[in-house]
PDB file of N, CA and C in Angstrom:
ATOM      1  N   MET A   1       0.840  -1.167   0.000  1.00  0.00           N
ATOM      2  CA  MET A   1       0.000   0.000   0.000  1.00  0.00           C
ATOM      3  C   MET A   1       0.890   1.237   0.000  1.00  0.00           C
ATOM      4  N   GLN A   2       0.455   2.244  -0.697  1.00  0.00           N
ATOM      5  CA  GLN A   2       1.149   3.528  -0.729  1.00  0.00           C
ATOM      6  C   GLN A   2       0.229   4.564  -0.107  1.00  0.00           C
ATOM      7  N   GLY A   3       0.808   5.582   0.496  1.00  0.00           N
ATOM      8  CA  GLY A   3      -0.011   6.615   1.090  1.00  0.00           C
ATOM      9  C   GLY A   3       0.674   7.954   1.093  1.00  0.00           C
ATOM     10  N   GLN A   4      -0.135   8.978   1.192  1.00  0.00           N
ATOM     11  CA  GLN A   4       0.365  10.341   1.238  1.00  0.00           C
ATOM     12  C   GLN A   4      -0.596  11.147   2.100  1.00  0.00           C
ATOM     13  N   ALA A   5      -0.073  12.066   2.889  1.00  0.00           N
ATOM     14  CA  ALA A   5      -0.928  12.873   3.754  1.00  0.00           C
ATOM     15  C   ALA A   5      -0.401  14.300   3.819  1.00  0.00           C
ATOM     16  N   PHE A   6      -1.322  15.241   4.028  1.00  0.00           N
ATOM     17  CA  PHE A   6      -0.905  16.626   4.257  1.00  0.00           C
ATOM     18  C   PHE A   6      -1.927  17.311   5.158  1.00  0.00           C
ATOM     19  N   TRP A   7      -1.461  18.311   5.897  1.00  0.00           N
ATOM     20  CA  TRP A   7      -2.263  19.088   6.834  1.00  0.00           C
ATOM     21  C   TRP A   7      -2.606  20.409   6.186  1.00  0.00           C
ATOM     22  N   LYS A   8      -3.885  20.756   6.117  1.00  0.00           N
ATOM     23  CA  LYS A   8      -4.296  22.022   5.505  1.00  0.00           C
ATOM     24  C   LYS A   8      -5.527  22.542   6.224  1.00  0.00           C
ATOM     25  N   ASP A   9      -5.468  23.790   6.655  1.00  0.00           N
ATOM     26  CA  ASP A   9      -6.594  24.461   7.311  1.00  0.00           C
ATOM     27  C   ASP A   9      -7.137  23.659   8.496  1.00  0.00           C
ATOM     28  N   GLY A  10      -6.235  23.062   9.267  1.00  0.00           N
ATOM     29  CA  GLY A  10      -6.641  22.345  10.464  1.00  0.00           C
ATOM     30  C   GLY A  10      -7.203  20.949  10.236  1.00  0.00           C
ATOM     31  N   VAL A  11      -7.027  20.420   9.030  1.00  0.00           N
ATOM     32  CA  VAL A  11      -7.567  19.099   8.693  1.00  0.00           C
ATOM     33  C   VAL A  11      -6.502  18.269   7.995  1.00  0.00           C
ATOM     34  N   TRP A  12      -6.393  16.993   8.382  1.00  0.00           N
ATOM     35  CA  TRP A  12      -5.510  16.077   7.667  1.00  0.00           C
ATOM     36  C   TRP A  12      -6.219  15.563   6.421  1.00  0.00           C
ATOM     37  N   HIS A  13      -5.510  15.495   5.316  1.00  0.00           N
ATOM     38  CA  HIS A  13      -5.994  14.911   4.064  1.00  0.00           C
ATOM     39  C   HIS A  13      -5.090  13.724   3.754  1.00  0.00           C
ATOM     40  N   VAL A  14      -5.689  12.558   3.574  1.00  0.00           N
ATOM     41  CA  VAL A  14      -4.914  11.334   3.384  1.00  0.00           C
ATOM     42  C   VAL A  14      -5.406  10.606   2.137  1.00  0.00           C
ATOM     43  N   VAL A  15      -4.445  10.156   1.320  1.00  0.00           N
ATOM     44  CA  VAL A  15      -4.762   9.338   0.147  1.00  0.00           C
ATOM     45  C   VAL A  15      -3.998   8.032   0.291  1.00  0.00           C
ATOM     46  N   MET A  16      -4.735   6.911   0.237  1.00  0.00           N
ATOM     47  CA  MET A  16      -4.114   5.589   0.297  1.00  0.00           C
ATOM     48  C   MET A  16      -4.346   4.899  -1.046  1.00  0.00           C
ATOM     49  N   ARG A  17      -3.360   4.122  -1.464  1.00  0.00           N
ATOM     50  CA  ARG A  17      -3.450   3.477  -2.769  1.00  0.00           C
ATOM     51  C   ARG A  17      -2.948   2.038  -2.663  1.00  0.00           C
ATOM     52  N   ARG A  18      -3.715   1.134  -3.279  1.00  0.00           N
ATOM     53  CA  ARG A  18      -3.302  -0.267  -3.357  1.00  0.00           C
ATOM     54  C   ARG A  18      -4.026  -0.903  -4.540  1.00  0.00           C
ATOM     55  N   PRO A  19      -3.535  -2.026  -5.021  1.00  0.00           N
ATOM     56  CA  PRO A  19      -4.236  -2.700  -6.125  1.00  0.00           C
ATOM     57  C   PRO A  19      -5.632  -3.146  -5.684  1.00  0.00           C
ATOM     58  N   LEU A  20      -6.571  -3.197  -6.630  1.00  0.00           N
ATOM     59  CA  LEU A  20      -7.907  -3.686  -6.304  1.00  0.00           C
ATOM     60  C   LEU A  20      -7.852  -5.145  -5.869  1.00  0.00           C
ATOM     61  N   VAL A  21      -7.026  -5.935  -6.547  1.00  0.00           N
ATOM     62  CA  VAL A  21      -6.858  -7.339  -6.197  1.00  0.00           C
ATOM     63  C   VAL A  21      -5.535  -7.468  -5.465  1.00  0.00           C
ATOM     64  N   SER A  22      -5.606  -7.932  -4.239  1.00  0.00           N
ATOM     65  CA  SER A  22      -4.415  -8.033  -3.410  1.00  0.00           C
ATOM     66  C   SER A  22      -3.806  -9.425  -3.505  1.00  0.00           C
ATOM     67  N   GLU A  23      -2.493  -9.484  -3.342  1.00  0.00           N
ATOM     68  CA  GLU A  23      -1.823 -10.778  -3.282  1.00  0.00           C
ATOM     69  C   GLU A  23      -2.118 -11.466  -1.953  1.00  0.00           C
ATOM     70  N   GLU A  24      -2.468 -10.705  -0.918  1.00  0.00           N
ATOM     71  CA  GLU A  24      -2.793 -11.250   0.403  1.00  0.00           C
ATOM     72  C   GLU A  24      -4.305 -11.241   0.593  1.00  0.00           C
ATOM     73  N   GLN A  25      -5.015 -11.987  -0.205  1.00  0.00           N
ATOM     74  CA  GLN A  25      -6.475 -11.956  -0.186  1.00  0.00           C
ATOM     75  C   GLN A  25      -7.064 -12.371   1.153  1.00  0.00           C
ATOM     76  N   GLU A  26      -6.347 -13.169   1.926  1.00  0.00           N
ATOM     77  CA  GLU A  26      -6.850 -13.602   3.226  1.00  0.00           C
ATOM     78  C   GLU A  26      -6.882 -12.451   4.229  1.00  0.00           C
ATOM     79  N   ASN A  27      -5.973 -11.480   4.087  1.00  0.00           N
ATOM     80  CA  ASN A  27      -5.845 -10.396   5.062  1.00  0.00           C
ATOM     81  C   ASN A  27      -6.327  -9.045   4.570  1.00  0.00           C
ATOM     82  N   GLU A  28      -6.755  -8.940   3.329  1.00  0.00           N
ATOM     83  CA  GLU A  28      -7.178  -7.648   2.798  1.00  0.00           C
ATOM     84  C   GLU A  28      -8.542  -7.766   2.129  1.00  0.00           C
ATOM     85  N   ALA A  29      -9.301  -6.692   2.205  1.00  0.00           N
ATOM     86  CA  ALA A  29     -10.636  -6.669   1.615  1.00  0.00           C
ATOM     87  C   ALA A  29     -10.563  -6.702   0.096  1.00  0.00           C
ATOM     88  N   THR A  30     -11.534  -7.352  -0.504  1.00  0.00           N
ATOM     89  CA  THR A  30     -11.668  -7.329  -1.956  1.00  0.00           C
ATOM     90  C   THR A  30     -12.360  -6.029  -2.331  1.00  0.00           C
ATOM     91  N   LEU A  31     -11.746  -5.254  -3.205  1.00  0.00           N
ATOM     92  CA  LEU A  31     -12.307  -3.975  -3.646  1.00  0.00           C
ATOM     93  C   LEU A  31     -12.888  -4.154  -5.040  1.00  0.00           C
ATOM     94  N   VAL A  32     -14.185  -3.877  -5.179  1.00  0.00           N
ATOM     95  CA  VAL A  32     -14.882  -4.113  -6.432  1.00  0.00           C
ATOM     96  C   VAL A  32     -15.364  -2.780  -7.001  1.00  0.00           C
ATOM     97  N   PRO A  33     -14.871  -2.395  -8.195  1.00  0.00           N
ATOM     98  CA  PRO A  33     -15.341  -1.148  -8.812  1.00  0.00           C
ATOM     99  C   PRO A  33     -16.860  -1.154  -8.985  1.00  0.00           C
ATOM    100  N   GLY A  34     -17.488  -0.024  -8.653  1.00  0.00           N
ATOM    101  CA  GLY A  34     -18.923   0.118  -8.793  1.00  0.00           C
ATOM    102  C   GLY A  34     -19.711  -0.326  -7.568  1.00  0.00           C
ATOM    103  N   ARG A  35     -19.066  -0.963  -6.614  1.00  0.00           N
ATOM    104  CA  ARG A  35     -19.750  -1.441  -5.415  1.00  0.00           C
ATOM    105  C   ARG A  35     -19.498  -0.476  -4.255  1.00  0.00           C
ATOM    106  N   ILE A  36     -20.502  -0.249  -3.445  1.00  0.00           N
ATOM    107  CA  ILE A  36     -20.339   0.563  -2.244  1.00  0.00           C
ATOM    108  C   ILE A  36     -19.960  -0.376  -1.103  1.00  0.00           C
ATOM    109  N   GLN A  37     -18.878  -0.042  -0.389  1.00  0.00           N
ATOM    110  CA  GLN A  37     -18.394  -0.869   0.700  1.00  0.00           C
ATOM    111  C   GLN A  37     -18.324  -0.042   1.971  1.00  0.00           C
ATOM    112  N   THR A  38     -18.576  -0.657   3.093  1.00  0.00           N
ATOM    113  CA  THR A  38     -18.496   0.012   4.384  1.00  0.00           C
ATOM    114  C   THR A  38     -17.078  -0.150   4.913  1.00  0.00           C
ATOM    115  N   VAL A  39     -16.476   0.974   5.336  1.00  0.00           N
ATOM    116  CA  VAL A  39     -15.105   0.949   5.842  1.00  0.00           C
ATOM    117  C   VAL A  39     -15.014   1.791   7.117  1.00  0.00           C
ATOM    118  N   SER A  40     -13.983   1.524   7.897  1.00  0.00           N
ATOM    119  CA  SER A  40     -13.669   2.330   9.068  1.00  0.00           C
ATOM    120  C   SER A  40     -12.157   2.371   9.207  1.00  0.00           C
ATOM    121  N   PHE A  41     -11.659   3.288   9.994  1.00  0.00           N
ATOM    122  CA  PHE A  41     -10.219   3.454  10.151  1.00  0.00           C
ATOM    123  C   PHE A  41      -9.867   3.580  11.623  1.00  0.00           C
ATOM    124  N   ALA A  42      -8.728   3.034  11.992  1.00  0.00           N
ATOM    125  CA  ALA A  42      -8.181   3.210  13.328  1.00  0.00           C
ATOM    126  C   ALA A  42      -6.977   4.141  13.190  1.00  0.00           C
ATOM    127  N   VAL A  43      -6.909   5.138  14.058  1.00  0.00           N
ATOM    128  CA  VAL A  43      -5.864   6.151  13.949  1.00  0.00           C
ATOM    129  C   VAL A  43      -5.099   6.224  15.265  1.00  0.00           C
ATOM    130  N   TRP A  44      -3.800   6.088  15.184  1.00  0.00           N
ATOM    131  CA  TRP A  44      -2.924   6.171  16.347  1.00  0.00           C
ATOM    132  C   TRP A  44      -2.377   7.584  16.423  1.00  0.00           C
ATOM    133  N   ASN A  45      -2.534   8.233  17.572  1.00  0.00           N
ATOM    134  CA  ASN A  45      -2.075   9.609  17.762  1.00  0.00           C
ATOM    135  C   ASN A  45      -1.127   9.653  18.963  1.00  0.00           C
ATOM    136  N   GLY A  46       0.165   9.663  18.698  1.00  0.00           N
ATOM    137  CA  GLY A  46       1.158   9.691  19.762  1.00  0.00           C
ATOM    138  C   GLY A  46       1.084  10.939  20.614  1.00  0.00           C
ATOM    139  N   GLU A  47       0.686  12.057  20.024  1.00  0.00           N
ATOM    140  CA  GLU A  47       0.569  13.307  20.770  1.00  0.00           C
ATOM    141  C   GLU A  47      -0.510  13.195  21.856  1.00  0.00           C
ATOM    142  N   ASN A  48      -1.475  12.315  21.629  1.00  0.00           N
ATOM    143  CA  ASN A  48      -2.555  12.087  22.581  1.00  0.00           C
ATOM    144  C   ASN A  48      -2.201  10.952  23.557  1.00  0.00           C
ATOM    145  N   LYS A  49      -0.906  10.626  23.621  1.00  0.00           N
ATOM    146  CA  LYS A  49      -0.371   9.565  24.489  1.00  0.00           C
ATOM    147  C   LYS A  49      -0.925   8.183  24.152  1.00  0.00           C
ATOM    148  N   GLU A  50      -1.402   7.991  22.919  1.00  0.00           N
ATOM    149  CA  GLU A  50      -1.860   6.667  22.495  1.00  0.00           C
ATOM    150  C   GLU A  50      -0.646   5.833  22.117  1.00  0.00           C
ATOM    151  N   ARG A  51      -0.656   4.574  22.514  1.00  0.00           N
ATOM    152  CA  ARG A  51       0.460   3.690  22.203  1.00  0.00           C
ATOM    153  C   ARG A  51      -0.064   2.260  22.196  1.00  0.00           C
ATOM    154  N   ASN A  52       0.747   1.358  21.666  1.00  0.00           N
ATOM    155  CA  ASN A  52       0.363  -0.050  21.579  1.00  0.00           C
ATOM    156  C   ASN A  52      -1.014  -0.180  20.922  1.00  0.00           C
ATOM    157  N   GLY A  53      -1.972  -0.776  21.616  1.00  0.00           N
ATOM    158  CA  GLY A  53      -3.297  -0.972  21.031  1.00  0.00           C
ATOM    159  C   GLY A  53      -4.247   0.191  21.246  1.00  0.00           C
ATOM    160  N   GLN A  54      -3.788   1.258  21.933  1.00  0.00           N
ATOM    161  CA  GLN A  54      -4.653   2.412  22.176  1.00  0.00           C
ATOM    162  C   GLN A  54      -4.723   3.258  20.906  1.00  0.00           C
ATOM    163  N   LYS A  55      -5.919   3.533  20.453  1.00  0.00           N
ATOM    164  CA  LYS A  55      -6.095   4.351  19.252  1.00  0.00           C
ATOM    165  C   LYS A  55      -7.533   4.821  19.156  1.00  0.00           C
ATOM    166  N   ALA A  56      -7.757   5.776  18.301  1.00  0.00           N
ATOM    167  CA  ALA A  56      -9.111   6.245  18.024  1.00  0.00           C
ATOM    168  C   ALA A  56      -9.654   5.455  16.837  1.00  0.00           C
ATOM    169  N   VAL A  57     -10.935   5.130  16.891  1.00  0.00           N
ATOM    170  CA  VAL A  57     -11.571   4.407  15.792  1.00  0.00           C
ATOM    171  C   VAL A  57     -12.650   5.302  15.204  1.00  0.00           C
ATOM    172  N   ALA A  58     -12.604   5.482  13.897  1.00  0.00           N
ATOM    173  CA  ALA A  58     -13.574   6.339  13.210  1.00  0.00           C
ATOM    174  C   ALA A  58     -14.907   5.608  13.062  1.00  0.00           C
ATOM    175  N   PRO A  59     -15.974   6.363  12.835  1.00  0.00           N
ATOM    176  CA  PRO A  59     -17.263   5.712  12.553  1.00  0.00           C
ATOM    177  C   PRO A  59     -17.206   5.042  11.167  1.00  0.00           C
ATOM    178  N   TRP A  60     -18.250   4.335  10.817  1.00  0.00           N
ATOM    179  CA  TRP A  60     -18.312   3.687   9.507  1.00  0.00           C
ATOM    180  C   TRP A  60     -18.542   4.725   8.414  1.00  0.00           C
ATOM    181  N   PHE A  61     -17.867   4.527   7.279  1.00  0.00           N
ATOM    182  CA  PHE A  61     -18.019   5.372   6.096  1.00  0.00           C
ATOM    183  C   PHE A  61     -18.429   4.500   4.921  1.00  0.00           C
ATOM    184  N   GLN A  62     -19.081   5.106   3.948  1.00  0.00           N
ATOM    185  CA  GLN A  62     -19.431   4.403   2.717  1.00  0.00           C
ATOM    186  C   GLN A  62     -18.371   4.733   1.664  1.00  0.00           C
ATOM    187  N   LEU A  63     -17.677   3.718   1.189  1.00  0.00           N
ATOM    188  CA  LEU A  63     -16.633   3.878   0.177  1.00  0.00           C
ATOM    189  C   LEU A  63     -17.185   3.439  -1.164  1.00  0.00           C
ATOM    190  N   HIS A  64     -17.158   4.335  -2.132  1.00  0.00           N
ATOM    191  CA  HIS A  64     -17.586   3.990  -3.481  1.00  0.00           C
ATOM    192  C   HIS A  64     -16.385   4.033  -4.394  1.00  0.00           C
ATOM    193  N   ILE A  65     -16.077   2.909  -5.032  1.00  0.00           N
ATOM    194  CA  ILE A  65     -14.951   2.844  -5.974  1.00  0.00           C
ATOM    195  C   ILE A  65     -15.538   3.008  -7.366  1.00  0.00           C
ATOM    196  N   ASP A  66     -15.117   4.064  -8.052  1.00  0.00           N
ATOM    197  CA  ASP A  66     -15.635   4.308  -9.394  1.00  0.00           C
ATOM    198  C   ASP A  66     -15.381   3.124 -10.306  1.00  0.00           C
ATOM    199  N   PRO A  67     -16.360   2.766 -11.132  1.00  0.00           N
ATOM    200  CA  PRO A  67     -16.147   1.686 -12.095  1.00  0.00           C
ATOM    201  C   PRO A  67     -14.991   2.023 -13.022  1.00  0.00           C
ATOM    202  N   VAL A  68     -14.205   1.036 -13.364  1.00  0.00           N
ATOM    203  CA  VAL A  68     -13.072   1.225 -14.256  1.00  0.00           C
ATOM    204  C   VAL A  68     -13.573   1.122 -15.697  1.00  0.00           C
ATOM    205  N   ALA A  69     -13.255   2.117 -16.516  1.00  0.00           N
ATOM    206  CA  ALA A  69     -13.696   2.104 -17.917  1.00  0.00           C
ATOM    207  C   ALA A  69     -13.123   0.904 -18.645  1.00  0.00           C
ATOM    208  N   GLY A  70     -13.974   0.275 -19.437  1.00  0.00           N
ATOM    209  CA  GLY A  70     -13.514  -0.844 -20.271  1.00  0.00           C
ATOM    210  C   GLY A  70     -13.622  -2.193 -19.603  1.00  0.00           C
ATOM    211  N   LEU A  71     -14.051  -2.251 -18.341  1.00  0.00           N
ATOM    212  CA  LEU A  71     -14.181  -3.566 -17.682  1.00  0.00           C
ATOM    213  C   LEU A  71     -15.599  -4.030 -17.708  1.00  0.00           C
TER     214      LEU A  71
END
């Protein structure tokens, strides 16, 4: 997985990238273009004294992966 993040106007913006089909299918979700999937994220914040398994968990979000042209 590749990722990039930046802080702007008091908000973090994060982009994560990985192949739709993973080589580790047992440990990663199958991402299907055109399907809406429910996702959530766990965020570790060291400034908030979070460590080890302590972290904030986001609510559920709806992820829509745009259909790939030609498939």
